[in-house]
Protein backbone atom coordinates (compact mmCIF):
# COMPACT_ATOMS: atom_id res chain seq x y z
CA MET A 1 17.98 27.16 -45.60
CA LEU A 2 14.31 27.36 -44.61
CA ARG A 3 14.14 23.58 -44.27
CA SER A 4 17.08 23.48 -41.85
CA LEU A 5 15.62 26.34 -39.83
CA TYR A 6 12.31 24.53 -39.57
CA SER A 7 14.09 21.38 -38.29
CA GLY A 8 15.83 23.39 -35.60
CA ILE A 9 12.58 25.09 -34.57
CA SER A 10 10.80 21.73 -34.31
CA GLY A 11 13.54 20.57 -31.93
CA LEU A 12 13.14 23.68 -29.78
CA ARG A 13 9.37 23.22 -29.61
CA SER A 14 9.61 19.52 -28.72
CA HIS A 15 12.26 20.08 -26.07
CA GLN A 16 10.19 22.92 -24.65
CA THR A 17 7.44 20.34 -24.12
CA MET A 18 9.96 18.05 -22.41
CA LEU A 19 11.01 20.88 -20.08
CA ASP A 20 7.34 21.58 -19.31
CA VAL A 21 6.79 17.93 -18.34
CA THR A 22 10.00 17.82 -16.28
CA GLY A 23 9.06 21.02 -14.47
CA ASN A 24 5.63 19.60 -13.70
CA ASN A 25 7.22 16.44 -12.26
CA ILE A 26 9.47 18.52 -10.03
CA ALA A 27 6.57 20.70 -8.92
CA ASN A 28 4.60 17.61 -7.83
CA VAL A 29 7.44 15.97 -5.91
CA ASN A 30 5.38 16.22 -2.67
CA THR A 31 1.96 15.57 -4.22
CA THR A 32 0.31 12.49 -2.69
CA GLY A 33 -0.23 9.72 -5.24
CA TYR A 34 1.33 11.67 -8.13
CA LYS A 35 2.66 9.61 -11.03
CA ALA A 36 5.57 11.02 -13.01
CA THR A 37 5.31 11.46 -16.79
CA ALA A 38 7.90 11.31 -19.56
CA VAL A 39 8.00 12.71 -23.12
CA GLN A 40 8.42 10.34 -26.05
CA PHE A 41 10.01 11.76 -29.24
CA GLN A 42 9.79 10.65 -32.86
CA ASP A 43 11.45 11.89 -36.01
CA THR A 44 9.39 13.64 -38.65
CA LEU A 45 8.88 11.95 -42.01
CA SER A 46 12.05 12.43 -44.06
CA GLN A 47 12.10 14.07 -47.49
CA LEU A 48 13.57 12.05 -50.35
CA THR A 49 15.98 14.08 -52.45
CA GLN A 50 17.48 11.24 -54.47
CA GLY A 51 16.11 7.81 -55.16
CA ALA A 52 17.96 4.54 -54.90
CA THR A 53 19.54 2.96 -57.99
CA ALA A 54 19.62 -0.73 -58.80
CA PRO A 55 22.94 -2.49 -59.36
CA GLY A 56 23.99 -3.17 -62.96
CA ALA A 57 26.46 -5.42 -64.70
CA ASN A 58 29.32 -2.93 -64.36
CA ASN A 59 28.25 -0.82 -61.37
CA GLY A 60 26.76 -1.24 -57.90
CA GLY A 61 23.52 0.08 -56.59
CA GLY A 62 23.14 3.50 -54.97
CA ASN A 63 21.47 4.37 -51.69
CA PRO A 64 18.68 6.93 -51.56
CA ALA A 65 19.31 10.42 -50.15
CA GLN A 66 16.87 11.48 -47.46
CA VAL A 67 16.75 14.63 -45.37
CA GLY A 68 14.99 14.62 -41.97
CA LEU A 69 12.48 17.35 -41.34
CA GLY A 70 12.87 17.63 -37.55
CA VAL A 71 11.34 16.01 -34.48
CA LEU A 72 7.86 15.62 -33.03
CA VAL A 73 6.44 14.70 -29.60
CA SER A 74 4.83 11.31 -30.18
CA GLY A 75 3.27 11.13 -26.72
CA ILE A 76 3.61 11.72 -22.99
CA THR A 77 3.54 8.50 -20.96
CA THR A 78 2.69 8.07 -17.26
CA ASN A 79 4.76 5.85 -14.98
CA PHE A 80 2.29 3.72 -13.02
CA THR A 81 4.86 1.65 -11.11
CA GLN A 82 4.20 1.01 -7.41
CA GLY A 83 5.43 3.75 -5.10
CA SER A 84 7.12 3.16 -1.76
CA ALA A 85 5.12 2.85 1.45
CA GLN A 86 5.39 5.76 3.86
CA SER A 87 4.00 6.17 7.37
CA THR A 88 2.00 9.37 7.95
CA GLY A 89 0.75 8.75 11.49
CA ARG A 90 -2.87 9.35 10.43
CA ALA A 91 -5.39 6.51 10.65
CA THR A 92 -7.40 7.78 7.67
CA ASP A 93 -4.46 7.85 5.24
CA MET A 94 -4.46 4.83 2.92
CA MET A 95 -2.33 3.36 0.15
CA ILE A 96 -3.09 1.03 -2.75
CA SER A 97 -0.61 -1.83 -3.11
CA GLY A 98 -0.59 -2.91 -6.75
CA ASP A 99 -3.08 -1.93 -9.43
CA GLY A 100 -6.32 -0.09 -8.78
CA TYR A 101 -7.85 3.24 -7.84
CA PHE A 102 -9.88 4.75 -5.04
CA VAL A 103 -13.41 5.55 -6.21
CA THR A 104 -14.70 8.97 -5.16
CA LYS A 105 -17.91 10.81 -5.87
CA GLN A 106 -18.93 14.47 -5.90
CA GLY A 107 -22.55 15.07 -6.76
CA THR A 108 -23.30 12.82 -9.73
CA GLN A 109 -19.69 12.71 -10.94
CA THR A 110 -17.54 9.63 -10.19
CA THR A 111 -13.77 10.05 -10.27
CA TYR A 112 -10.77 7.81 -9.58
CA THR A 113 -7.56 8.60 -7.74
CA ARG A 114 -4.44 6.96 -6.34
CA ALA A 115 -4.07 9.60 -3.61
CA GLY A 116 -5.12 8.18 -0.25
CA ALA A 117 -4.88 11.31 1.92
CA PHE A 118 -8.39 11.08 3.39
CA ASP A 119 -10.15 12.64 6.35
CA LEU A 120 -13.55 12.47 8.06
CA ASP A 121 -16.09 15.25 7.58
CA ALA A 122 -18.70 16.45 10.09
CA GLU A 123 -21.05 13.61 9.12
CA GLY A 124 -18.42 10.91 9.57
CA ARG A 125 -17.90 10.35 5.85
CA LEU A 126 -14.46 9.55 4.48
CA VAL A 127 -13.55 12.36 2.07
CA THR A 128 -10.61 13.57 -0.02
CA THR A 129 -8.84 16.86 0.57
CA ASP A 130 -11.08 18.57 -2.01
CA GLY A 131 -14.35 17.22 -0.57
CA LYS A 132 -15.03 14.16 -2.74
CA ILE A 133 -16.68 11.28 -0.85
CA VAL A 134 -14.82 7.96 -0.90
CA GLN A 135 -16.92 5.05 -2.16
CA GLY A 136 -16.86 1.45 -0.99
CA TRP A 137 -18.85 -1.60 0.07
CA THR A 138 -20.57 -1.68 3.46
CA GLY A 139 -20.14 -4.89 5.44
CA VAL A 140 -23.16 -6.63 6.95
CA ASN A 141 -22.34 -8.67 10.05
CA GLY A 142 -18.71 -8.72 8.99
CA VAL A 143 -19.47 -9.92 5.44
CA ILE A 144 -18.65 -7.71 2.45
CA ASN A 145 -20.44 -8.28 -0.85
CA THR A 146 -17.93 -7.16 -3.48
CA GLY A 147 -20.55 -7.66 -6.21
CA GLY A 148 -22.98 -5.14 -4.76
CA ALA A 149 -23.32 -1.43 -5.37
CA VAL A 150 -20.83 0.93 -3.75
CA GLY A 151 -21.83 3.73 -1.43
CA ASN A 152 -20.39 6.37 0.84
CA VAL A 153 -17.80 5.14 3.33
CA GLN A 154 -19.19 6.49 6.59
CA LEU A 155 -18.09 5.92 10.19
CA PRO A 156 -20.72 6.93 12.76
CA ASP A 157 -19.39 9.54 15.16
CA GLY A 158 -18.84 8.09 18.63
CA ALA A 159 -19.44 4.49 17.57
CA ILE A 160 -17.95 1.99 20.01
CA ALA A 161 -17.23 -1.64 19.25
CA PRO A 162 -18.56 -3.87 22.03
CA ALA A 163 -15.97 -5.65 24.13
CA VAL A 164 -15.51 -9.37 23.59
CA ALA A 165 -14.27 -11.55 26.40
CA THR A 166 -11.13 -13.55 25.72
CA SER A 167 -11.79 -17.27 25.58
CA GLN A 168 -8.28 -18.45 24.75
CA ALA A 169 -4.76 -17.18 25.39
CA THR A 170 -1.42 -18.24 23.97
CA VAL A 171 1.80 -17.97 25.94
CA GLY A 172 5.17 -18.27 24.22
CA GLY A 173 8.72 -18.29 25.52
CA ASN A 174 11.55 -20.45 26.80
CA LEU A 175 11.81 -22.39 30.06
CA PRO A 176 15.14 -23.21 31.76
CA SER A 177 16.18 -26.72 30.78
CA GLU A 178 18.29 -27.15 33.93
CA THR A 179 15.15 -27.22 36.12
CA ALA A 180 14.96 -30.49 38.03
CA VAL A 181 11.94 -32.79 37.81
CA GLY A 182 9.32 -31.41 40.20
CA GLY A 183 10.77 -27.91 40.07
CA THR A 184 8.51 -24.98 39.20
CA VAL A 185 8.85 -21.69 37.35
CA VAL A 186 6.32 -18.94 38.04
CA ARG A 187 5.57 -16.10 35.64
CA ASP A 188 2.98 -13.35 36.27
CA MET A 189 0.55 -12.24 33.56
CA ASP A 190 -1.74 -9.20 33.63
CA VAL A 191 -5.40 -9.81 32.75
CA TYR A 192 -8.39 -7.44 32.82
CA ASP A 193 -11.92 -8.04 34.06
CA ALA A 194 -15.21 -6.72 32.65
CA ASN A 195 -14.64 -3.35 34.33
CA GLY A 196 -11.12 -2.96 32.93
CA VAL A 197 -9.46 -3.61 36.28
CA ALA A 198 -6.05 -5.27 35.94
CA THR A 199 -5.43 -8.51 37.80
CA VAL A 200 -2.19 -10.44 38.08
CA VAL A 201 -2.57 -14.14 37.32
CA PRO A 202 0.47 -16.30 38.08
CA LEU A 203 1.37 -19.00 35.58
CA THR A 204 3.08 -21.96 37.22
CA PHE A 205 5.18 -24.28 35.07
CA THR A 206 6.14 -27.61 36.68
CA ARG A 207 8.91 -29.80 35.28
CA THR A 208 7.92 -33.43 34.80
CA ALA A 209 9.76 -36.45 33.53
CA GLY A 210 8.10 -36.07 30.15
CA GLY A 211 8.25 -32.28 29.82
CA TRP A 212 6.31 -29.51 31.52
CA THR A 213 2.80 -28.88 32.82
CA ALA A 214 1.28 -25.43 33.15
CA SER A 215 -1.43 -24.10 35.45
CA ALA A 216 -2.89 -20.64 36.06
CA GLY A 217 -4.45 -19.26 39.25
CA ASP A 218 -6.24 -16.06 40.27
CA SER A 219 -4.10 -13.95 42.62
CA ARG A 220 -7.24 -12.66 44.38
CA LEU A 221 -7.86 -16.15 45.77
CA THR A 222 -6.25 -17.33 49.01
CA SER A 223 -4.67 -20.23 47.16
CA PRO A 224 -3.99 -20.71 43.45
CA SER A 225 -6.78 -22.53 41.67
CA PRO A 226 -5.59 -24.20 38.49
CA THR A 227 -7.74 -23.21 35.55
CA ALA A 228 -5.75 -24.65 32.66
CA SER A 229 -3.16 -27.35 32.18
CA ARG A 230 -1.23 -28.68 29.24
CA THR A 231 2.04 -30.45 28.52
CA PRO A 232 4.28 -28.48 26.13
CA PRO A 233 7.28 -30.07 24.42
CA THR A 234 10.50 -30.41 26.36
CA PRO A 235 12.61 -27.25 25.89
CA THR A 236 16.15 -27.48 24.65
CA PRO A 237 19.12 -25.77 26.33
């Protein structure tokens, strides 16, 4: 009687642990970067009440008689499968695709997390919601040394990237195939000068016997001055 009661109690205790884990998973349904856990059960070592018998000349063998002594929690495993991507609308929120962790530091303690809900503090450092500073490599002239020591990820307040003039432009689209040889198609394109003032530059496409030629002129001039020309492949209807 006591043995059967103990088996039942062991089941209640183990399933109480399972309910605790399930409740914790439900409670963290909106926790950023949370990984669900699951309880793994195992049976307790059985008690042998009757041993097995070997077969004889006139009788067969007998199986042993064993009585289970209940159940135990063998472990609680974490599901580290990749979560789904979700847009938050915040530029400082990040996500790890695949394996890995974000490295954070608080004082002399280094911790790791999958939660990428970051923000910038008053000194421009990237920090977690509880104040840990995100660690990373600092690029030098656009080059990142992944073998070097990590440090605080810091964005200087008010830093502005210098403007870089455009040296090349790519235009894509379709041209009407029914255009006769010598015919032109004009398309306007907005460009911006060093002061950010918009200027309309017309692109003129001229049909030739072998395809098309393209030229661009500045609308501020009295007459278009071709600045570029090329022969794209003949478009299909």
